Amino acid sequence: MAKWWLVRAGDSNELISEWKKKNVVSIGWANLGNPQKYKSRKAFLQKAHEIYEEEKPGRRIIWASQVWRFSSEITVGDQIVTYIKDKREYMIGTVTGSYEFNSSLISEYYPNVVHVKWKEKQVQRDELSEKAKNSLGSISTVFRIDDWGHEFELLLQGNTTTNSIISEEEETNSIIYDLVEKSFIMVQDKVDSLGHWEMQILVSGLLQGMGYNVDELKKGPDGGVDILAYKDAFGFEQPIIKVQVKHRKASSSAPEIQQLLGASPFNANGLFVSTGGFTSQAISVAKQNNVKLLDLEGLIKMIIGWYDKMPNEARSLIPLQKVYLPE
């Protein structure tokens, strides 16, 4: 079965005319050399770490992985799609030849080449479904778009894709919901990867963002309390909150809730943070004694809500950036 690929036409969409003239598609990262000279993807990634040592490791991996896929996974018969920005159209072609490393066909900057026979007919972006348009907006240079191949085929045949019973508003809402869910999971994974002491700093930073003063207890045996939080500068006024933080896969138990309740100060409110969740007995004991419980999902929701007000030390543990979506 033919695969569908989207390939960006250069940094500024400048390659369209050359691609059409020479019936090819090409990408850059010339400094990596010919990927076919490497025995494995792992060896090629290692080369990228050496060549681009000043770049972030994640970026090196992304760049090398795209070149590797372009050279080894695109095969004859696959469909290539690229976007023509000024016309708001997609150009589609069929792969006719294997990959080659050729620094003279297009330019030294774009030596990774695959031969393609471009179709005369092009597809207007506005004719695609809302989901397709948003999915095709990835910032990657090379990526699979198999889910939308049928739409391109229909439009190339002169048919339309507007017979869906789902409205454009419903599609947009679905896409936004999907983006929010994926970003939430990414933040959750980032928080889950922190060490215990970093998690304590993060919880402390959340409380500070909410307007509390905090005392973080030192590493080591804590008697059930990791953080003390209070509203006034000296900690005289109620409410005082004593916090226990457990960062692990295992669920926190009822005896651990009891340990927090029995820890000094005895008149303080209790907050128990457990990224592994809680046993049913722990939840029961917490309800009976008015101890607030916060699992990983609940912690993430609160961090997202108070992130802008948290101190820099805590935010640096999970750097986040705002993304604006249509209402």
C-alpha atoms as a PDB file:
ATOM      1  CA  MET A   1       0.000   0.000   0.000  1.00  0.00           C
ATOM      2  CA  ALA A   2       1.381   3.401  -0.992  1.00  0.00           C
ATOM      3  CA  LYS A   3       2.332   5.740   1.819  1.00  0.00           C
ATOM      4  CA  TRP A   4       1.487   9.445   1.828  1.00  0.00           C
ATOM      5  CA  TRP A   5       4.150  11.973   2.838  1.00  0.00           C
ATOM      6  CA  LEU A   6       4.200  15.730   3.273  1.00  0.00           C
ATOM      7  CA  VAL A   7       7.566  17.374   2.534  1.00  0.00           C
ATOM      8  CA  ARG A   8       8.224  21.080   3.116  1.00  0.00           C
ATOM      9  CA  ALA A   9       9.610  22.938   0.099  1.00  0.00           C
ATOM     10  CA  GLY A  10      12.566  24.656   1.776  1.00  0.00           C
ATOM     11  CA  ASP A  11      12.804  27.193   4.562  1.00  0.00           C
ATOM     12  CA  SER A  12      10.770  29.777   2.632  1.00  0.00           C
ATOM     13  CA  ASN A  13       8.887  27.578   0.150  1.00  0.00           C
ATOM     14  CA  GLU A  14      11.564  28.495  -2.412  1.00  0.00           C
ATOM     15  CA  LEU A  15      12.042  25.031  -3.924  1.00  0.00           C
ATOM     16  CA  ILE A  16       8.683  24.632  -5.666  1.00  0.00           C
ATOM     17  CA  SER A  17       9.786  25.770  -9.132  1.00  0.00           C
ATOM     18  CA  GLU A  18      12.954  23.616  -9.108  1.00  0.00           C
ATOM     19  CA  TRP A  19      11.049  20.583  -7.893  1.00  0.00           C
ATOM     20  CA  LYS A  20       8.460  20.934 -10.661  1.00  0.00           C
ATOM     21  CA  LYS A  21      11.092  21.528 -13.323  1.00  0.00           C
ATOM     22  CA  LYS A  22      13.244  18.537 -12.347  1.00  0.00           C
ATOM     23  CA  ASN A  23      10.517  16.256 -10.988  1.00  0.00           C
ATOM     24  CA  VAL A  24      12.152  15.751  -7.606  1.00  0.00           C
ATOM     25  CA  VAL A  25      11.660  16.469  -3.922  1.00  0.00           C
ATOM     26  CA  SER A  26      14.621  17.343  -1.700  1.00  0.00           C
ATOM     27  CA  ILE A  27      15.562  18.209   1.873  1.00  0.00           C
ATOM     28  CA  GLY A  28      18.619  19.695   3.567  1.00  0.00           C
ATOM     29  CA  TRP A  29      20.943  18.983   6.531  1.00  0.00           C
ATOM     30  CA  ALA A  30      23.832  18.556   4.118  1.00  0.00           C
ATOM     31  CA  ASN A  31      26.391  18.506   6.949  1.00  0.00           C
ATOM     32  CA  LEU A  32      25.194  15.046   7.927  1.00  0.00           C
ATOM     33  CA  GLY A  33      26.394  13.623   4.618  1.00  0.00           C
ATOM     34  CA  ASN A  34      24.941  10.606   2.857  1.00  0.00           C
ATOM     35  CA  PRO A  35      22.789   8.598   5.323  1.00  0.00           C
ATOM     36  CA  GLN A  36      23.208   5.459   3.196  1.00  0.00           C
ATOM     37  CA  LYS A  37      26.830   5.266   4.288  1.00  0.00           C
ATOM     38  CA  TYR A  38      25.725   4.464   7.846  1.00  0.00           C
ATOM     39  CA  LYS A  39      24.881   0.926   8.902  1.00  0.00           C
ATOM     40  CA  SER A  40      22.090   1.920  11.265  1.00  0.00           C
ATOM     41  CA  ARG A  41      19.855   4.777  12.343  1.00  0.00           C
ATOM     42  CA  LYS A  42      21.671   4.773  15.694  1.00  0.00           C
ATOM     43  CA  ALA A  43      25.014   5.422  13.984  1.00  0.00           C
ATOM     44  CA  PHE A  44      23.467   8.222  11.941  1.00  0.00           C
ATOM     45  CA  LEU A  45      22.006   9.831  15.069  1.00  0.00           C
ATOM     46  CA  GLN A  46      25.429   9.703  16.695  1.00  0.00           C
ATOM     47  CA  LYS A  47      26.820  11.606  13.706  1.00  0.00           C
ATOM     48  CA  ALA A  48      24.139  14.263  14.221  1.00  0.00           C
ATOM     49  CA  HIS A  49      25.146  14.652  17.886  1.00  0.00           C
ATOM     50  CA  GLU A  50      28.727  15.287  16.746  1.00  0.00           C
ATOM     51  CA  ILE A  51      27.901  17.671  13.877  1.00  0.00           C
ATOM     52  CA  TYR A  52      25.289  19.716  15.750  1.00  0.00           C
ATOM     53  CA  GLU A  53      26.787  19.563  19.258  1.00  0.00           C
ATOM     54  CA  GLU A  54      25.788  23.166  19.960  1.00  0.00           C
ATOM     55  CA  GLU A  55      22.107  22.403  19.353  1.00  0.00           C
ATOM     56  CA  LYS A  56      19.743  20.832  21.894  1.00  0.00           C
ATOM     57  CA  PRO A  57      19.856  16.994  21.857  1.00  0.00           C
ATOM     58  CA  GLY A  58      16.165  16.740  21.009  1.00  0.00           C
ATOM     59  CA  ARG A  59      16.592  18.943  17.962  1.00  0.00           C
ATOM     60  CA  ARG A  60      19.565  16.901  16.709  1.00  0.00           C
ATOM     61  CA  ILE A  61      17.492  13.714  16.944  1.00  0.00           C
ATOM     62  CA  ILE A  62      14.538  15.261  15.091  1.00  0.00           C
ATOM     63  CA  TRP A  63      16.734  16.535  12.243  1.00  0.00           C
ATOM     64  CA  ALA A  64      18.632  13.284  11.766  1.00  0.00           C
ATOM     65  CA  SER A  65      15.463  11.203  12.058  1.00  0.00           C
ATOM     66  CA  GLN A  66      13.791  13.158   9.271  1.00  0.00           C
ATOM     67  CA  VAL A  67      16.752  12.639   6.933  1.00  0.00           C
ATOM     68  CA  TRP A  68      16.837   8.952   7.819  1.00  0.00           C
ATOM     69  CA  ARG A  69      13.139   8.500   7.078  1.00  0.00           C
ATOM     70  CA  PHE A  70      13.403  10.447   3.846  1.00  0.00           C
ATOM     71  CA  SER A  71      16.274   8.272   2.644  1.00  0.00           C
ATOM     72  CA  SER A  72      15.108   4.864   3.850  1.00  0.00           C
ATOM     73  CA  GLU A  73      11.318   4.827   4.188  1.00  0.00           C
ATOM     74  CA  ILE A  74      10.044   6.642   1.091  1.00  0.00           C
ATOM     75  CA  THR A  75       9.646   4.090  -1.698  1.00  0.00           C
ATOM     76  CA  VAL A  76       8.592   3.983  -5.354  1.00  0.00           C
ATOM     77  CA  GLY A  77       4.823   4.425  -5.649  1.00  0.00           C
ATOM     78  CA  ASP A  78       4.472   6.534  -2.506  1.00  0.00           C
ATOM     79  CA  GLN A  79       2.639   9.854  -2.775  1.00  0.00           C
ATOM     80  CA  ILE A  80       4.391  13.150  -1.971  1.00  0.00           C
ATOM     81  CA  VAL A  81       2.445  16.268  -1.007  1.00  0.00           C
ATOM     82  CA  THR A  82       3.901  19.762  -0.612  1.00  0.00           C
ATOM     83  CA  TYR A  83       2.285  23.112   0.119  1.00  0.00           C
ATOM     84  CA  ILE A  84       2.517  26.127  -2.210  1.00  0.00           C
ATOM     85  CA  LYS A  85       2.053  29.044   0.160  1.00  0.00           C
ATOM     86  CA  ASP A  86       1.371  31.861  -2.287  1.00  0.00           C
ATOM     87  CA  LYS A  87      -1.347  29.876  -4.087  1.00  0.00           C
ATOM     88  CA  ARG A  88      -2.703  28.123  -0.977  1.00  0.00           C
ATOM     89  CA  GLU A  89      -2.550  24.872  -2.918  1.00  0.00           C
ATOM     90  CA  TYR A  90      -1.074  21.420  -2.423  1.00  0.00           C
ATOM     91  CA  MET A  91       1.084  19.878  -5.146  1.00  0.00           C
ATOM     92  CA  ILE A  92       0.953  16.088  -5.329  1.00  0.00           C
ATOM     93  CA  GLY A  93       3.332  13.662  -7.000  1.00  0.00           C
ATOM     94  CA  THR A  94       4.177   9.969  -7.205  1.00  0.00           C
ATOM     95  CA  VAL A  95       7.633   8.676  -6.277  1.00  0.00           C
ATOM     96  CA  THR A  96       9.311   7.217  -9.377  1.00  0.00           C
ATOM     97  CA  GLY A  97      12.859   6.566  -8.187  1.00  0.00           C
ATOM     98  CA  SER A  98      14.889   5.644  -5.134  1.00  0.00           C
ATOM     99  CA  TYR A  99      16.669   8.080  -2.840  1.00  0.00           C
ATOM    100  CA  GLU A 100      20.006   9.558  -3.858  1.00  0.00           C
ATOM    101  CA  PHE A 101      22.501  11.911  -2.258  1.00  0.00           C
ATOM    102  CA  ASN A 102      23.149  14.494  -4.976  1.00  0.00           C
ATOM    103  CA  SER A 103      24.500  17.939  -4.093  1.00  0.00           C
ATOM    104  CA  SER A 104      24.393  19.229  -7.688  1.00  0.00           C
ATOM    105  CA  LEU A 105      20.817  18.463  -8.756  1.00  0.00           C
ATOM    106  CA  ILE A 106      19.062  21.113  -6.632  1.00  0.00           C
ATOM    107  CA  SER A 107      21.801  22.695  -4.485  1.00  0.00           C
ATOM    108  CA  GLU A 108      24.531  21.851  -1.993  1.00  0.00           C
ATOM    109  CA  TYR A 109      22.125  22.889   0.739  1.00  0.00           C
ATOM    110  CA  TYR A 110      19.451  20.337  -0.322  1.00  0.00           C
ATOM    111  CA  PRO A 111      21.397  17.225  -1.372  1.00  0.00           C
ATOM    112  CA  ASN A 112      18.901  14.590  -0.191  1.00  0.00           C
ATOM    113  CA  VAL A 113      16.804  13.844  -3.267  1.00  0.00           C
ATOM    114  CA  VAL A 114      13.906  11.566  -4.276  1.00  0.00           C
ATOM    115  CA  HIS A 115      12.547  11.524  -7.840  1.00  0.00           C
ATOM    116  CA  VAL A 116       8.853  12.348  -8.205  1.00  0.00           C
ATOM    117  CA  LYS A 117       6.397  12.762 -11.083  1.00  0.00           C
ATOM    118  CA  TRP A 118       4.284  15.784 -10.174  1.00  0.00           C
ATOM    119  CA  LYS A 119       0.616  15.837 -11.167  1.00  0.00           C
ATOM    120  CA  GLU A 120      -0.766  18.711 -13.226  1.00  0.00           C
ATOM    121  CA  LYS A 121      -3.789  19.175 -10.990  1.00  0.00           C
ATOM    122  CA  GLN A 122      -3.297  20.753  -7.584  1.00  0.00           C
ATOM    123  CA  VAL A 123      -5.589  20.779  -4.543  1.00  0.00           C
ATOM    124  CA  GLN A 124      -6.893  23.942  -2.920  1.00  0.00           C
ATOM    125  CA  ARG A 125      -6.265  24.018   0.816  1.00  0.00           C
ATOM    126  CA  ASP A 126      -9.793  25.312   1.481  1.00  0.00           C
ATOM    127  CA  GLU A 127     -11.258  22.173  -0.104  1.00  0.00           C
ATOM    128  CA  LEU A 128      -9.803  19.959   2.620  1.00  0.00           C
ATOM    129  CA  SER A 129     -11.624  19.130   5.847  1.00  0.00           C
ATOM    130  CA  GLU A 130     -10.822  21.141   8.947  1.00  0.00           C
ATOM    131  CA  LYS A 131      -9.105  18.160  10.579  1.00  0.00           C
ATOM    132  CA  ALA A 132      -6.909  17.614   7.530  1.00  0.00           C
ATOM    133  CA  LYS A 133      -5.897  21.285   7.327  1.00  0.00           C
ATOM    134  CA  ASN A 134      -4.858  21.325  10.969  1.00  0.00           C
ATOM    135  CA  SER A 135      -3.004  18.006  10.785  1.00  0.00           C
ATOM    136  CA  LEU A 136      -1.068  19.151   7.736  1.00  0.00           C
ATOM    137  CA  GLY A 137       0.154  22.181   9.668  1.00  0.00           C
ATOM    138  CA  SER A 138       2.956  20.280  11.436  1.00  0.00           C
ATOM    139  CA  ILE A 139       6.279  22.120  11.619  1.00  0.00           C
ATOM    140  CA  SER A 140       8.236  18.999  10.626  1.00  0.00           C
ATOM    141  CA  THR A 141       9.955  18.913   7.234  1.00  0.00           C
ATOM    142  CA  VAL A 142       9.040  15.283   6.496  1.00  0.00           C
ATOM    143  CA  PHE A 143       6.091  13.404   8.008  1.00  0.00           C
ATOM    144  CA  ARG A 144       3.449  10.793   7.161  1.00  0.00           C
ATOM    145  CA  ILE A 145      -0.085  11.939   6.279  1.00  0.00           C
ATOM    146  CA  ASP A 146      -1.695   8.576   5.453  1.00  0.00           C
ATOM    147  CA  ASP A 147      -4.918   9.554   7.262  1.00  0.00           C
ATOM    148  CA  TRP A 148      -5.603  12.275   4.681  1.00  0.00           C
ATOM    149  CA  GLY A 149      -4.576  10.484   1.490  1.00  0.00           C
ATOM    150  CA  HIS A 150      -8.196   9.593   0.679  1.00  0.00           C
ATOM    151  CA  GLU A 151      -9.168  13.292   0.765  1.00  0.00           C
ATOM    152  CA  PHE A 152      -6.454  14.193  -1.720  1.00  0.00           C
ATOM    153  CA  GLU A 153      -7.508  11.302  -3.963  1.00  0.00           C
ATOM    154  CA  LEU A 154     -11.147  12.425  -3.943  1.00  0.00           C
ATOM    155  CA  LEU A 155     -10.237  16.024  -4.723  1.00  0.00           C
ATOM    156  CA  LEU A 156      -7.865  15.002  -7.522  1.00  0.00           C
ATOM    157  CA  GLN A 157     -10.770  13.054  -9.055  1.00  0.00           C
ATOM    158  CA  GLY A 158     -12.987  16.133  -8.936  1.00  0.00           C
ATOM    159  CA  ASN A 159     -15.075  14.978  -5.964  1.00  0.00           C
ATOM    160  CA  THR A 160     -15.590  16.904  -2.746  1.00  0.00           C
ATOM    161  CA  THR A 161     -15.089  16.075   0.925  1.00  0.00           C
ATOM    162  CA  THR A 162     -17.944  18.266   2.173  1.00  0.00           C
ATOM    163  CA  ASN A 163     -20.459  15.427   2.549  1.00  0.00           C
ATOM    164  CA  SER A 164     -19.425  14.792   6.135  1.00  0.00           C
ATOM    165  CA  ILE A 165     -22.217  14.894   8.699  1.00  0.00           C
ATOM    166  CA  ILE A 166     -19.806  16.616  11.121  1.00  0.00           C
ATOM    167  CA  SER A 167     -19.981  20.407  11.002  1.00  0.00           C
ATOM    168  CA  GLU A 168     -16.892  22.569  10.684  1.00  0.00           C
ATOM    169  CA  GLU A 169     -17.476  23.893  14.213  1.00  0.00           C
ATOM    170  CA  GLU A 170     -17.625  20.352  15.585  1.00  0.00           C
ATOM    171  CA  GLU A 171     -14.446  19.430  13.727  1.00  0.00           C
ATOM    172  CA  THR A 172     -12.663  22.505  15.086  1.00  0.00           C
ATOM    173  CA  ASN A 173     -13.786  21.747  18.634  1.00  0.00           C
ATOM    174  CA  SER A 174     -12.625  18.147  18.239  1.00  0.00           C
ATOM    175  CA  ILE A 175      -9.184  19.283  17.056  1.00  0.00           C
ATOM    176  CA  ILE A 176      -8.819  21.771  19.907  1.00  0.00           C
ATOM    177  CA  TYR A 177      -9.877  19.133  22.444  1.00  0.00           C
ATOM    178  CA  ASP A 178      -7.314  16.719  20.978  1.00  0.00           C
ATOM    179  CA  LEU A 179      -4.537  19.334  21.169  1.00  0.00           C
ATOM    180  CA  VAL A 180      -5.387  20.176  24.771  1.00  0.00           C
ATOM    181  CA  GLU A 181      -5.438  16.496  25.736  1.00  0.00           C
ATOM    182  CA  LYS A 182      -2.084  15.828  24.062  1.00  0.00           C
ATOM    183  CA  SER A 183      -0.456  18.864  25.690  1.00  0.00           C
ATOM    184  CA  PHE A 184      -1.810  17.779  29.092  1.00  0.00           C
ATOM    185  CA  ILE A 185      -0.241  14.336  28.652  1.00  0.00           C
ATOM    186  CA  MET A 186       3.086  15.919  27.614  1.00  0.00           C
ATOM    187  CA  VAL A 187       3.113  18.089  30.750  1.00  0.00           C
ATOM    188  CA  GLN A 188       2.160  15.068  32.848  1.00  0.00           C
ATOM    189  CA  ASP A 189       5.061  13.049  31.435  1.00  0.00           C
ATOM    190  CA  LYS A 190       7.444  15.924  32.117  1.00  0.00           C
ATOM    191  CA  VAL A 191       6.326  16.235  35.736  1.00  0.00           C
ATOM    192  CA  ASP A 192       6.388  12.464  36.207  1.00  0.00           C
ATOM    193  CA  SER A 193      10.041  12.371  35.114  1.00  0.00           C
ATOM    194  CA  LEU A 194      11.173  14.674  37.959  1.00  0.00           C
ATOM    195  CA  GLY A 195      13.073  13.386  40.964  1.00  0.00           C
ATOM    196  CA  HIS A 196      11.499  13.430  44.438  1.00  0.00           C
ATOM    197  CA  TRP A 197      13.325  16.547  45.593  1.00  0.00           C
ATOM    198  CA  GLU A 198      12.417  18.348  42.360  1.00  0.00           C
ATOM    199  CA  MET A 199       8.786  17.342  42.873  1.00  0.00           C
ATOM    200  CA  GLN A 200       8.875  18.848  46.345  1.00  0.00           C
ATOM    201  CA  ILE A 201      10.234  22.112  44.899  1.00  0.00           C
ATOM    202  CA  LEU A 202       7.461  22.051  42.277  1.00  0.00           C
ATOM    203  CA  VAL A 203       4.709  21.584  44.880  1.00  0.00           C
ATOM    204  CA  SER A 204       6.281  24.308  46.995  1.00  0.00           C
ATOM    205  CA  GLY A 205       6.316  26.602  43.957  1.00  0.00           C
ATOM    206  CA  LEU A 206       2.647  25.863  43.293  1.00  0.00           C
ATOM    207  CA  LEU A 207       1.747  26.881  46.832  1.00  0.00           C
ATOM    208  CA  GLN A 208       3.783  30.084  46.486  1.00  0.00           C
ATOM    209  CA  GLY A 209       1.981  30.837  43.238  1.00  0.00           C
ATOM    210  CA  MET A 210      -1.289  30.490  45.147  1.00  0.00           C
ATOM    211  CA  GLY A 211      -0.136  33.128  47.613  1.00  0.00           C
ATOM    212  CA  TYR A 212       1.296  31.034  50.461  1.00  0.00           C
ATOM    213  CA  ASN A 213       4.607  31.435  52.253  1.00  0.00           C
ATOM    214  CA  VAL A 214       6.412  28.115  52.509  1.00  0.00           C
ATOM    215  CA  ASP A 215       9.043  26.335  54.545  1.00  0.00           C
ATOM    216  CA  GLU A 216      10.597  23.368  52.750  1.00  0.00           C
ATOM    217  CA  LEU A 217      11.969  20.773  55.127  1.00  0.00           C
ATOM    218  CA  LYS A 218      15.399  19.314  54.462  1.00  0.00           C
ATOM    219  CA  LYS A 219      16.029  16.025  52.677  1.00  0.00           C
ATOM    220  CA  GLY A 220      15.854  12.910  54.793  1.00  0.00           C
ATOM    221  CA  PRO A 221      13.348  11.544  57.338  1.00  0.00           C
ATOM    222  CA  ASP A 222      10.575  14.107  57.654  1.00  0.00           C
ATOM    223  CA  GLY A 223       8.130  12.578  60.100  1.00  0.00           C
ATOM    224  CA  GLY A 224       5.345  12.837  57.506  1.00  0.00           C
ATOM    225  CA  VAL A 225       5.765  16.507  56.533  1.00  0.00           C
ATOM    226  CA  ASP A 226       7.766  17.893  53.575  1.00  0.00           C
ATOM    227  CA  ILE A 227       6.390  21.457  53.349  1.00  0.00           C
ATOM    228  CA  LEU A 228       4.691  23.913  55.688  1.00  0.00           C
ATOM    229  CA  ALA A 229       2.582  26.615  54.051  1.00  0.00           C
ATOM    230  CA  TYR A 230       0.917  29.629  55.675  1.00  0.00           C
ATOM    231  CA  LYS A 231      -0.545  32.991  54.704  1.00  0.00           C
ATOM    232  CA  ASP A 232       1.292  35.398  57.012  1.00  0.00           C
ATOM    233  CA  ALA A 233       5.039  35.964  57.000  1.00  0.00           C
ATOM    234  CA  PHE A 234       5.636  34.373  60.445  1.00  0.00           C
ATOM    235  CA  GLY A 235       3.238  31.434  60.223  1.00  0.00           C
ATOM    236  CA  PHE A 236       1.110  32.519  63.174  1.00  0.00           C
ATOM    237  CA  GLU A 237      -2.236  32.797  61.409  1.00  0.00           C
ATOM    238  CA  GLN A 238      -4.508  30.029  60.256  1.00  0.00           C
ATOM    239  CA  PRO A 239      -4.787  28.296  57.917  1.00  0.00           C
ATOM    240  CA  ILE A 240      -1.470  26.501  58.228  1.00  0.00           C
ATOM    241  CA  ILE A 241      -1.043  23.637  55.771  1.00  0.00           C
ATOM    242  CA  LYS A 242       1.277  20.702  56.317  1.00  0.00           C
ATOM    243  CA  VAL A 243       2.137  18.907  53.081  1.00  0.00           C
ATOM    244  CA  GLN A 244       3.475  15.441  52.377  1.00  0.00           C
ATOM    245  CA  VAL A 245       4.820  14.684  48.873  1.00  0.00           C
ATOM    246  CA  LYS A 246       5.173  11.114  47.607  1.00  0.00           C
ATOM    247  CA  HIS A 247       6.599  10.811  44.103  1.00  0.00           C
ATOM    248  CA  ARG A 248       6.476   7.172  43.047  1.00  0.00           C
ATOM    249  CA  LYS A 249       4.447   4.620  41.073  1.00  0.00           C
ATOM    250  CA  ALA A 250       2.914   2.934  44.149  1.00  0.00           C
ATOM    251  CA  SER A 251      -0.316   4.258  45.674  1.00  0.00           C
ATOM    252  CA  SER A 252      -0.125   5.995  49.025  1.00  0.00           C
ATOM    253  CA  SER A 253      -1.738   4.114  51.914  1.00  0.00           C
ATOM    254  CA  ALA A 254      -3.968   4.862  54.885  1.00  0.00           C
ATOM    255  CA  PRO A 255      -1.074   4.607  57.422  1.00  0.00           C
ATOM    256  CA  GLU A 256       0.775   7.308  55.460  1.00  0.00           C
ATOM    257  CA  ILE A 257      -2.256   9.591  55.739  1.00  0.00           C
ATOM    258  CA  GLN A 258      -2.348   8.862  59.462  1.00  0.00           C
ATOM    259  CA  GLN A 259       1.350   9.718  59.701  1.00  0.00           C
ATOM    260  CA  LEU A 260       0.654  13.150  58.193  1.00  0.00           C
ATOM    261  CA  LEU A 261      -2.241  13.681  60.613  1.00  0.00           C
ATOM    262  CA  GLY A 262      -0.020  12.812  63.577  1.00  0.00           C
ATOM    263  CA  ALA A 263       2.835  15.089  62.551  1.00  0.00           C
ATOM    264  CA  SER A 264       3.446  18.521  64.040  1.00  0.00           C
ATOM    265  CA  PRO A 265       1.845  21.062  63.890  1.00  0.00           C
ATOM    266  CA  PHE A 266      -1.243  19.160  65.081  1.00  0.00           C
ATOM    267  CA  ASN A 267      -3.723  21.964  64.385  1.00  0.00           C
ATOM    268  CA  ALA A 268      -2.691  22.373  60.745  1.00  0.00           C
ATOM    269  CA  ASN A 269      -4.693  21.373  57.677  1.00  0.00           C
ATOM    270  CA  GLY A 270      -3.326  18.427  55.716  1.00  0.00           C
ATOM    271  CA  LEU A 271      -2.476  18.177  52.011  1.00  0.00           C
ATOM    272  CA  PHE A 272      -1.131  14.894  50.659  1.00  0.00           C
ATOM    273  CA  VAL A 273       0.381  14.852  47.144  1.00  0.00           C
ATOM    274  CA  SER A 274       0.917  11.401  45.662  1.00  0.00           C
ATOM    275  CA  THR A 275       1.789  10.961  41.982  1.00  0.00           C
ATOM    276  CA  GLY A 276       1.003   7.250  42.302  1.00  0.00           C
ATOM    277  CA  GLY A 277      -2.519   7.929  43.538  1.00  0.00           C
ATOM    278  CA  PHE A 278      -4.158   6.575  46.699  1.00  0.00           C
ATOM    279  CA  THR A 279      -5.595   3.318  47.957  1.00  0.00           C
ATOM    280  CA  SER A 280      -9.325   3.206  48.719  1.00  0.00           C
ATOM    281  CA  GLN A 281      -8.526   3.009  52.447  1.00  0.00           C
ATOM    282  CA  ALA A 282      -6.325   6.111  52.175  1.00  0.00           C
ATOM    283  CA  ILE A 283      -9.145   8.025  50.462  1.00  0.00           C
ATOM    284  CA  SER A 284     -11.546   6.971  53.220  1.00  0.00           C
ATOM    285  CA  VAL A 285      -9.202   8.091  56.028  1.00  0.00           C
ATOM    286  CA  ALA A 286      -8.535  11.386  54.243  1.00  0.00           C
ATOM    287  CA  LYS A 287     -12.267  12.135  53.933  1.00  0.00           C
ATOM    288  CA  GLN A 288     -12.875  11.364  57.607  1.00  0.00           C
ATOM    289  CA  ASN A 289     -10.094  13.743  58.679  1.00  0.00           C
ATOM    290  CA  ASN A 290     -10.507  16.476  56.050  1.00  0.00           C
ATOM    291  CA  VAL A 291      -7.135  15.817  54.432  1.00  0.00           C
ATOM    292  CA  LYS A 292      -6.994  17.081  50.853  1.00  0.00           C
ATOM    293  CA  LEU A 293      -5.578  14.575  48.352  1.00  0.00           C
ATOM    294  CA  LEU A 294      -3.842  15.493  45.107  1.00  0.00           C
ATOM    295  CA  ASP A 295      -2.811  12.854  42.554  1.00  0.00           C
ATOM    296  CA  LEU A 296      -0.683  13.451  39.452  1.00  0.00           C
ATOM    297  CA  GLU A 297      -3.592  14.492  37.245  1.00  0.00           C
ATOM    298  CA  GLY A 298      -4.942  16.885  39.846  1.00  0.00           C
ATOM    299  CA  LEU A 299      -1.481  18.337  40.415  1.00  0.00           C
ATOM    300  CA  ILE A 300      -1.034  19.005  36.679  1.00  0.00           C
ATOM    301  CA  LYS A 301      -4.380  20.801  36.467  1.00  0.00           C
ATOM    302  CA  MET A 302      -3.425  23.081  39.358  1.00  0.00           C
ATOM    303  CA  ILE A 303       0.051  23.748  37.948  1.00  0.00           C
ATOM    304  CA  ILE A 304      -1.417  24.759  34.577  1.00  0.00           C
ATOM    305  CA  GLY A 305      -3.902  27.047  36.314  1.00  0.00           C
ATOM    306  CA  TRP A 306      -1.317  28.799  38.528  1.00  0.00           C
ATOM    307  CA  TYR A 307       1.786  28.463  36.348  1.00  0.00           C
ATOM    308  CA  ASP A 308       2.189  32.180  35.544  1.00  0.00           C
ATOM    309  CA  LYS A 309       2.329  33.043  39.244  1.00  0.00           C
ATOM    310  CA  MET A 310       4.754  30.323  40.294  1.00  0.00           C
ATOM    311  CA  PRO A 311       8.397  31.319  41.066  1.00  0.00           C
ATOM    312  CA  ASN A 312      11.044  30.869  38.380  1.00  0.00           C
ATOM    313  CA  GLU A 313      12.801  28.033  40.228  1.00  0.00           C
ATOM    314  CA  ALA A 314       9.675  25.887  40.059  1.00  0.00           C
ATOM    315  CA  ARG A 315       8.769  26.860  36.495  1.00  0.00           C
ATOM    316  CA  SER A 316      12.277  26.023  35.296  1.00  0.00           C
ATOM    317  CA  LEU A 317      11.627  22.387  36.215  1.00  0.00           C
ATOM    318  CA  ILE A 318       8.853  22.175  33.611  1.00  0.00           C
ATOM    319  CA  PRO A 319       9.249  25.058  31.119  1.00  0.00           C
ATOM    320  CA  LEU A 320       5.899  25.668  29.391  1.00  0.00           C
ATOM    321  CA  GLN A 321       4.846  28.060  26.658  1.00  0.00           C
ATOM    322  CA  LYS A 322       1.443  29.516  25.812  1.00  0.00           C
ATOM    323  CA  VAL A 323      -0.368  28.418  22.681  1.00  0.00           C
ATOM    324  CA  TYR A 324      -3.288  30.458  21.345  1.00  0.00           C
ATOM    325  CA  LEU A 325      -6.257  28.574  19.881  1.00  0.00           C
ATOM    326  CA  PRO A 326      -9.407  29.971  18.196  1.00  0.00           C
ATOM    327  CA  GLU A 327     -12.484  30.233  20.417  1.00  0.00           C
END
